N, C-alpha and C. Protein backbone atom coordinates (compact mmCIF):
# COMPACT_ATOMS: atom_id res chain seq x y z
N UNK A 1 7.02 -22.04 1.71
CA UNK A 1 7.00 -20.58 2.19
C UNK A 1 5.67 -20.16 2.65
N UNK A 2 5.62 -19.62 3.89
CA UNK A 2 4.39 -19.28 4.56
C UNK A 2 3.96 -17.83 4.05
N UNK A 3 2.80 -17.78 3.69
CA UNK A 3 2.18 -16.45 3.23
C UNK A 3 1.71 -15.69 4.40
N UNK A 4 1.94 -14.38 4.28
CA UNK A 4 1.59 -13.48 5.31
C UNK A 4 0.59 -12.41 4.84
N UNK A 5 -0.39 -12.08 5.59
CA UNK A 5 -1.31 -11.04 5.38
C UNK A 5 -0.80 -9.69 5.97
N UNK A 6 -1.16 -8.64 5.33
CA UNK A 6 -0.65 -7.32 5.90
C UNK A 6 -1.82 -6.91 6.99
N UNK A 7 -1.59 -5.80 7.59
CA UNK A 7 -2.53 -5.26 8.55
C UNK A 7 -4.04 -5.24 8.17
N UNK A 8 -4.34 -4.99 6.81
CA UNK A 8 -5.53 -4.83 6.42
C UNK A 8 -6.09 -6.23 5.72
N UNK A 9 -5.35 -7.36 6.00
CA UNK A 9 -5.70 -8.49 5.64
C UNK A 9 -5.56 -8.90 4.11
N UNK A 10 -4.64 -8.16 3.44
CA UNK A 10 -4.39 -8.29 2.05
C UNK A 10 -3.07 -9.18 1.85
N UNK A 11 -3.03 -10.02 0.78
CA UNK A 11 -1.90 -10.63 0.46
C UNK A 11 -1.02 -9.71 -0.37
N UNK A 12 0.19 -9.59 0.12
CA UNK A 12 1.06 -8.64 -0.76
C UNK A 12 2.20 -9.52 -1.26
N UNK A 13 1.91 -10.13 -2.46
CA UNK A 13 2.73 -11.00 -3.10
C UNK A 13 3.32 -10.54 -4.42
N UNK A 14 2.96 -9.37 -4.83
CA UNK A 14 3.54 -8.83 -5.98
C UNK A 14 4.71 -7.80 -5.82
N UNK A 15 5.71 -7.82 -6.56
CA UNK A 15 6.86 -6.90 -6.44
C UNK A 15 6.87 -5.80 -7.49
N UNK A 16 7.12 -4.68 -7.11
CA UNK A 16 7.23 -3.51 -8.04
C UNK A 16 8.54 -2.86 -7.82
N UNK A 17 9.34 -2.70 -8.81
CA UNK A 17 10.66 -2.02 -8.60
C UNK A 17 10.93 -1.02 -9.75
N UNK A 18 11.77 -0.02 -9.38
CA UNK A 18 12.06 0.98 -10.31
C UNK A 18 13.48 1.62 -9.95
N UNK A 19 14.12 2.26 -10.82
CA UNK A 19 15.31 2.90 -10.66
C UNK A 19 15.20 4.34 -10.22
N UNK A 20 16.14 4.93 -9.38
CA UNK A 20 16.17 6.21 -8.98
C UNK A 20 17.54 6.74 -8.98
N UNK A 21 17.67 8.09 -9.16
CA UNK A 21 18.87 8.63 -9.09
C UNK A 21 19.48 8.80 -7.61
N UNK A 22 20.70 9.01 -7.40
CA UNK A 22 21.26 9.17 -6.12
C UNK A 22 20.47 10.32 -5.31
N UNK A 23 20.13 11.49 -6.03
CA UNK A 23 19.48 12.49 -5.37
C UNK A 23 18.04 12.15 -4.97
N UNK A 24 17.37 11.37 -5.90
CA UNK A 24 15.93 11.04 -5.62
C UNK A 24 15.84 10.06 -4.55
N UNK A 25 16.82 9.10 -4.42
CA UNK A 25 16.75 8.11 -3.28
C UNK A 25 17.08 8.81 -2.01
N UNK A 26 18.01 9.76 -2.04
CA UNK A 26 18.29 10.63 -0.86
C UNK A 26 17.06 11.28 -0.32
N UNK A 27 16.35 11.93 -1.20
CA UNK A 27 15.22 12.62 -0.81
C UNK A 27 14.14 11.62 -0.35
N UNK A 28 13.91 10.61 -1.08
CA UNK A 28 12.91 9.46 -0.66
C UNK A 28 13.28 9.04 0.81
N UNK A 29 14.54 8.75 1.06
CA UNK A 29 14.97 8.22 2.36
C UNK A 29 14.71 9.39 3.41
N UNK A 30 14.93 10.54 3.11
CA UNK A 30 14.63 11.63 4.07
C UNK A 30 13.14 11.87 4.40
N UNK A 31 12.35 11.77 3.37
CA UNK A 31 10.95 11.80 3.53
C UNK A 31 10.30 10.58 4.46
N UNK A 32 10.84 9.41 3.98
CA UNK A 32 10.38 8.20 4.63
C UNK A 32 10.82 8.31 6.18
N UNK A 33 12.02 8.70 6.52
CA UNK A 33 12.41 8.77 7.83
C UNK A 33 11.57 9.80 8.60
N UNK A 34 11.41 10.87 7.99
CA UNK A 34 10.50 11.93 8.66
C UNK A 34 9.11 11.53 8.90
N UNK A 35 8.61 10.67 7.97
CA UNK A 35 7.19 10.33 8.05
C UNK A 35 6.86 9.26 9.16
N UNK A 36 7.87 8.54 9.62
CA UNK A 36 7.62 7.48 10.70
C UNK A 36 7.12 6.21 10.03
N UNK A 37 6.88 6.12 8.72
CA UNK A 37 6.35 5.02 7.96
C UNK A 37 7.49 4.19 7.52
N UNK A 38 7.05 2.95 7.08
CA UNK A 38 8.11 2.08 6.49
C UNK A 38 8.23 2.71 5.06
N UNK A 39 9.27 2.33 4.40
CA UNK A 39 9.52 2.79 3.06
C UNK A 39 8.39 2.25 2.10
N UNK A 40 7.99 1.03 2.22
CA UNK A 40 6.97 0.50 1.50
C UNK A 40 5.59 1.20 1.64
N UNK A 41 5.18 1.38 2.99
CA UNK A 41 3.93 2.08 3.26
C UNK A 41 4.04 3.51 2.77
N UNK A 42 5.12 4.32 2.81
CA UNK A 42 5.23 5.63 2.31
C UNK A 42 5.03 5.60 0.82
N UNK A 43 5.74 4.81 0.11
CA UNK A 43 5.73 4.79 -1.36
C UNK A 43 4.12 4.38 -1.74
N UNK A 44 3.56 3.39 -1.13
CA UNK A 44 2.17 3.03 -1.60
C UNK A 44 1.35 4.18 -1.34
N UNK A 45 1.37 4.82 -0.15
CA UNK A 45 0.53 5.97 0.09
C UNK A 45 0.63 7.01 -0.89
N UNK A 46 1.81 7.40 -1.32
CA UNK A 46 2.14 8.46 -2.22
C UNK A 46 1.68 8.15 -3.70
N UNK A 47 1.94 6.85 -4.09
CA UNK A 47 1.57 6.32 -5.35
C UNK A 47 0.00 6.35 -5.54
N UNK A 48 -0.60 6.06 -4.48
CA UNK A 48 -2.11 6.01 -4.52
C UNK A 48 -2.80 7.30 -4.15
N UNK A 49 -1.95 8.32 -4.10
CA UNK A 49 -2.47 9.73 -3.84
C UNK A 49 -3.25 9.88 -2.51
N UNK A 50 -2.70 8.99 -1.50
CA UNK A 50 -3.24 9.11 -0.17
C UNK A 50 -2.50 9.99 0.75
N UNK A 51 -3.08 10.75 1.79
CA UNK A 51 -2.29 11.55 2.58
C UNK A 51 -1.25 10.85 3.36
N UNK A 52 -0.10 11.36 3.62
CA UNK A 52 0.86 10.77 4.47
C UNK A 52 0.67 11.58 5.80
N UNK A 53 0.03 10.97 6.80
CA UNK A 53 -0.04 11.53 8.07
C UNK A 53 1.11 11.09 9.01
N UNK A 54 1.88 12.19 9.49
CA UNK A 54 2.98 11.88 10.37
C UNK A 54 2.43 11.83 11.74
N UNK A 55 2.62 10.74 12.51
CA UNK A 55 2.29 10.57 13.81
C UNK A 55 3.49 10.68 14.63
N UNK A 56 3.58 11.69 15.51
CA UNK A 56 4.78 11.83 16.45
C UNK A 56 5.00 10.65 17.30
N UNK A 57 6.31 10.23 17.16
CA UNK A 57 6.84 9.14 18.07
C UNK A 57 8.27 9.27 18.16
N UNK A 58 8.90 8.50 19.03
CA UNK A 58 10.33 8.65 19.32
C UNK A 58 11.08 8.57 18.00
N UNK A 59 10.71 7.71 17.09
CA UNK A 59 11.50 7.54 15.83
C UNK A 59 11.44 8.85 15.01
N UNK A 60 10.15 9.42 14.92
CA UNK A 60 10.01 10.57 14.17
C UNK A 60 10.80 11.85 14.77
N UNK A 61 10.69 11.99 16.01
CA UNK A 61 11.34 13.12 16.74
C UNK A 61 12.89 12.90 16.63
N UNK A 62 13.50 11.72 16.59
CA UNK A 62 14.88 11.52 16.37
C UNK A 62 15.30 11.88 14.97
N UNK A 63 14.38 11.48 13.95
CA UNK A 63 14.61 11.84 12.56
C UNK A 63 14.59 13.31 12.36
N UNK A 64 13.57 14.00 12.93
CA UNK A 64 13.50 15.45 12.80
C UNK A 64 14.73 16.11 13.51
N UNK A 65 15.18 15.75 14.59
CA UNK A 65 16.34 16.31 15.15
C UNK A 65 17.62 16.06 14.26
N UNK A 66 17.80 14.86 13.76
CA UNK A 66 18.90 14.57 12.93
C UNK A 66 18.78 15.35 11.63
N UNK A 67 17.66 15.46 10.98
CA UNK A 67 17.62 16.17 9.74
C UNK A 67 17.78 17.59 9.90
N UNK A 68 17.26 18.19 11.09
CA UNK A 68 17.49 19.60 11.31
C UNK A 68 18.83 19.82 11.60
N UNK A 69 19.58 18.99 12.35
CA UNK A 69 21.13 19.18 12.48
C UNK A 69 21.85 19.12 11.13
N UNK A 70 21.48 18.34 10.29
CA UNK A 70 22.04 18.26 8.89
C UNK A 70 21.67 19.47 8.19
N UNK A 71 20.58 19.86 8.31
CA UNK A 71 20.11 21.17 7.53
C UNK A 71 20.94 22.35 8.13
N UNK A 72 21.15 22.43 9.28
CA UNK A 72 21.95 23.52 9.86
C UNK A 72 23.36 23.54 9.21
N UNK A 73 23.98 22.26 9.08
CA UNK A 73 25.30 22.21 8.44
C UNK A 73 25.15 22.67 6.95
N UNK A 74 24.09 22.21 6.26
CA UNK A 74 23.96 22.75 4.85
C UNK A 74 23.74 24.19 4.81
N UNK A 75 23.00 24.75 5.70
CA UNK A 75 22.72 26.13 5.63
C UNK A 75 24.05 27.00 5.97
N UNK A 76 24.86 26.46 6.81
CA UNK A 76 26.10 27.16 7.05
C UNK A 76 27.02 27.21 5.80
N UNK A 77 26.90 26.16 4.99
CA UNK A 77 27.69 26.14 3.76
C UNK A 77 27.24 27.31 2.81
N UNK A 78 25.92 27.70 3.00
CA UNK A 78 25.55 28.87 2.02
C UNK A 78 26.31 30.20 2.29
N UNK A 79 26.69 30.31 3.41
CA UNK A 79 27.47 31.57 3.71
C UNK A 79 28.82 31.60 2.85
N UNK A 80 29.27 30.47 2.34
CA UNK A 80 30.42 30.40 1.51
C UNK A 80 30.08 30.57 0.08
N UNK A 81 28.89 31.03 -0.27
CA UNK A 81 28.60 31.22 -1.62
C UNK A 81 27.93 29.97 -2.37
N UNK A 82 27.78 28.86 -1.69
CA UNK A 82 27.17 27.71 -2.26
C UNK A 82 25.74 27.80 -2.38
N UNK A 83 25.13 27.13 -3.26
CA UNK A 83 23.61 27.17 -3.45
C UNK A 83 23.03 25.92 -2.78
N UNK A 84 21.72 26.10 -2.37
CA UNK A 84 21.00 25.03 -1.74
C UNK A 84 20.53 24.05 -2.73
N UNK A 85 20.68 22.73 -2.61
CA UNK A 85 20.21 21.83 -3.60
C UNK A 85 18.78 21.47 -3.32
N UNK A 86 18.29 20.78 -4.38
CA UNK A 86 16.79 20.40 -4.47
C UNK A 86 16.40 19.52 -3.34
N UNK A 87 17.22 18.48 -3.06
CA UNK A 87 17.05 17.62 -1.87
C UNK A 87 16.81 18.27 -0.59
N UNK A 88 17.70 19.23 -0.33
CA UNK A 88 17.62 20.02 0.92
C UNK A 88 16.40 20.92 1.04
N UNK A 89 16.10 21.56 -0.18
CA UNK A 89 14.95 22.39 -0.21
C UNK A 89 13.68 21.55 0.04
N UNK A 90 13.59 20.44 -0.63
CA UNK A 90 12.45 19.49 -0.44
C UNK A 90 12.30 19.03 1.06
N UNK A 91 13.43 18.67 1.65
CA UNK A 91 13.44 18.29 3.06
C UNK A 91 12.99 19.43 3.88
N UNK A 92 13.37 20.59 3.69
CA UNK A 92 12.92 21.65 4.47
C UNK A 92 11.43 21.92 4.37
N UNK A 93 10.91 21.84 3.21
CA UNK A 93 9.48 21.97 3.07
C UNK A 93 8.73 20.87 3.75
N UNK A 94 9.20 19.69 3.70
CA UNK A 94 8.42 18.61 4.42
C UNK A 94 8.43 18.82 5.98
N UNK A 95 9.76 19.19 6.42
CA UNK A 95 9.88 19.41 7.84
C UNK A 95 8.88 20.51 8.20
N UNK A 96 8.72 21.63 7.36
CA UNK A 96 7.94 22.66 7.66
C UNK A 96 6.48 22.20 7.76
N UNK A 97 6.06 21.27 6.80
CA UNK A 97 4.67 20.75 6.86
C UNK A 97 4.40 20.00 8.19
N UNK A 98 5.53 19.28 8.59
CA UNK A 98 5.29 18.44 9.89
C UNK A 98 5.20 19.50 11.03
N UNK A 99 5.93 20.50 11.13
CA UNK A 99 5.91 21.42 12.19
C UNK A 99 4.61 22.12 12.22
N UNK A 100 4.10 22.55 11.08
CA UNK A 100 2.79 23.21 10.98
C UNK A 100 1.64 22.26 11.42
N UNK A 101 1.73 20.95 11.21
CA UNK A 101 0.78 20.01 11.65
C UNK A 101 0.85 19.86 13.17
N UNK A 102 2.07 19.89 13.69
CA UNK A 102 2.19 19.81 15.17
C UNK A 102 1.56 21.03 15.77
N UNK A 103 1.79 22.19 15.18
CA UNK A 103 1.29 23.37 15.82
C UNK A 103 -0.24 23.36 15.85
N UNK A 104 -0.74 23.02 14.69
CA UNK A 104 -2.31 22.99 14.53
C UNK A 104 -2.87 21.94 15.61
N UNK A 105 -2.21 20.88 15.67
CA UNK A 105 -2.67 19.77 16.61
C UNK A 105 -2.66 20.32 18.13
N UNK A 106 -1.75 21.16 18.45
CA UNK A 106 -1.63 21.64 19.81
C UNK A 106 -2.58 22.81 20.11
N UNK A 107 -3.17 23.33 19.16
CA UNK A 107 -4.03 24.50 19.42
C UNK A 107 -5.41 24.09 19.79
C-alpha cells in the first residue's frame, strides 16, 4: 500500500470514528457542504478550534442556493403551525455568517 502525504506534508494514517444521531449528521452535512471543505478537513478544523473560512467558489454557491431553497420550503411549513427544528435553525445561522462575511469582503 502506497503512503500518501497531505497538503502540509503530514502522514494521515490514524482513523478516528464516532457515532452521531440522524439530526447531527444532517447538520454536519449541511455545514460541510456550505463550507466548501471536505468533511475530513471541516471536522479537523472544528475539533482543533480553528476558524472555518468559507471561500466562495462554484461548489459553495451551489450549496448556498440549494440550502436556501430547502430553507424556503421549511419556512413555508411554519405557516401551518409547525415549529422550526434545530438543524434548520443552525443551518440558517451558518448561512447568515457566510453572507455577513461576503458582505464585509465586498466593502
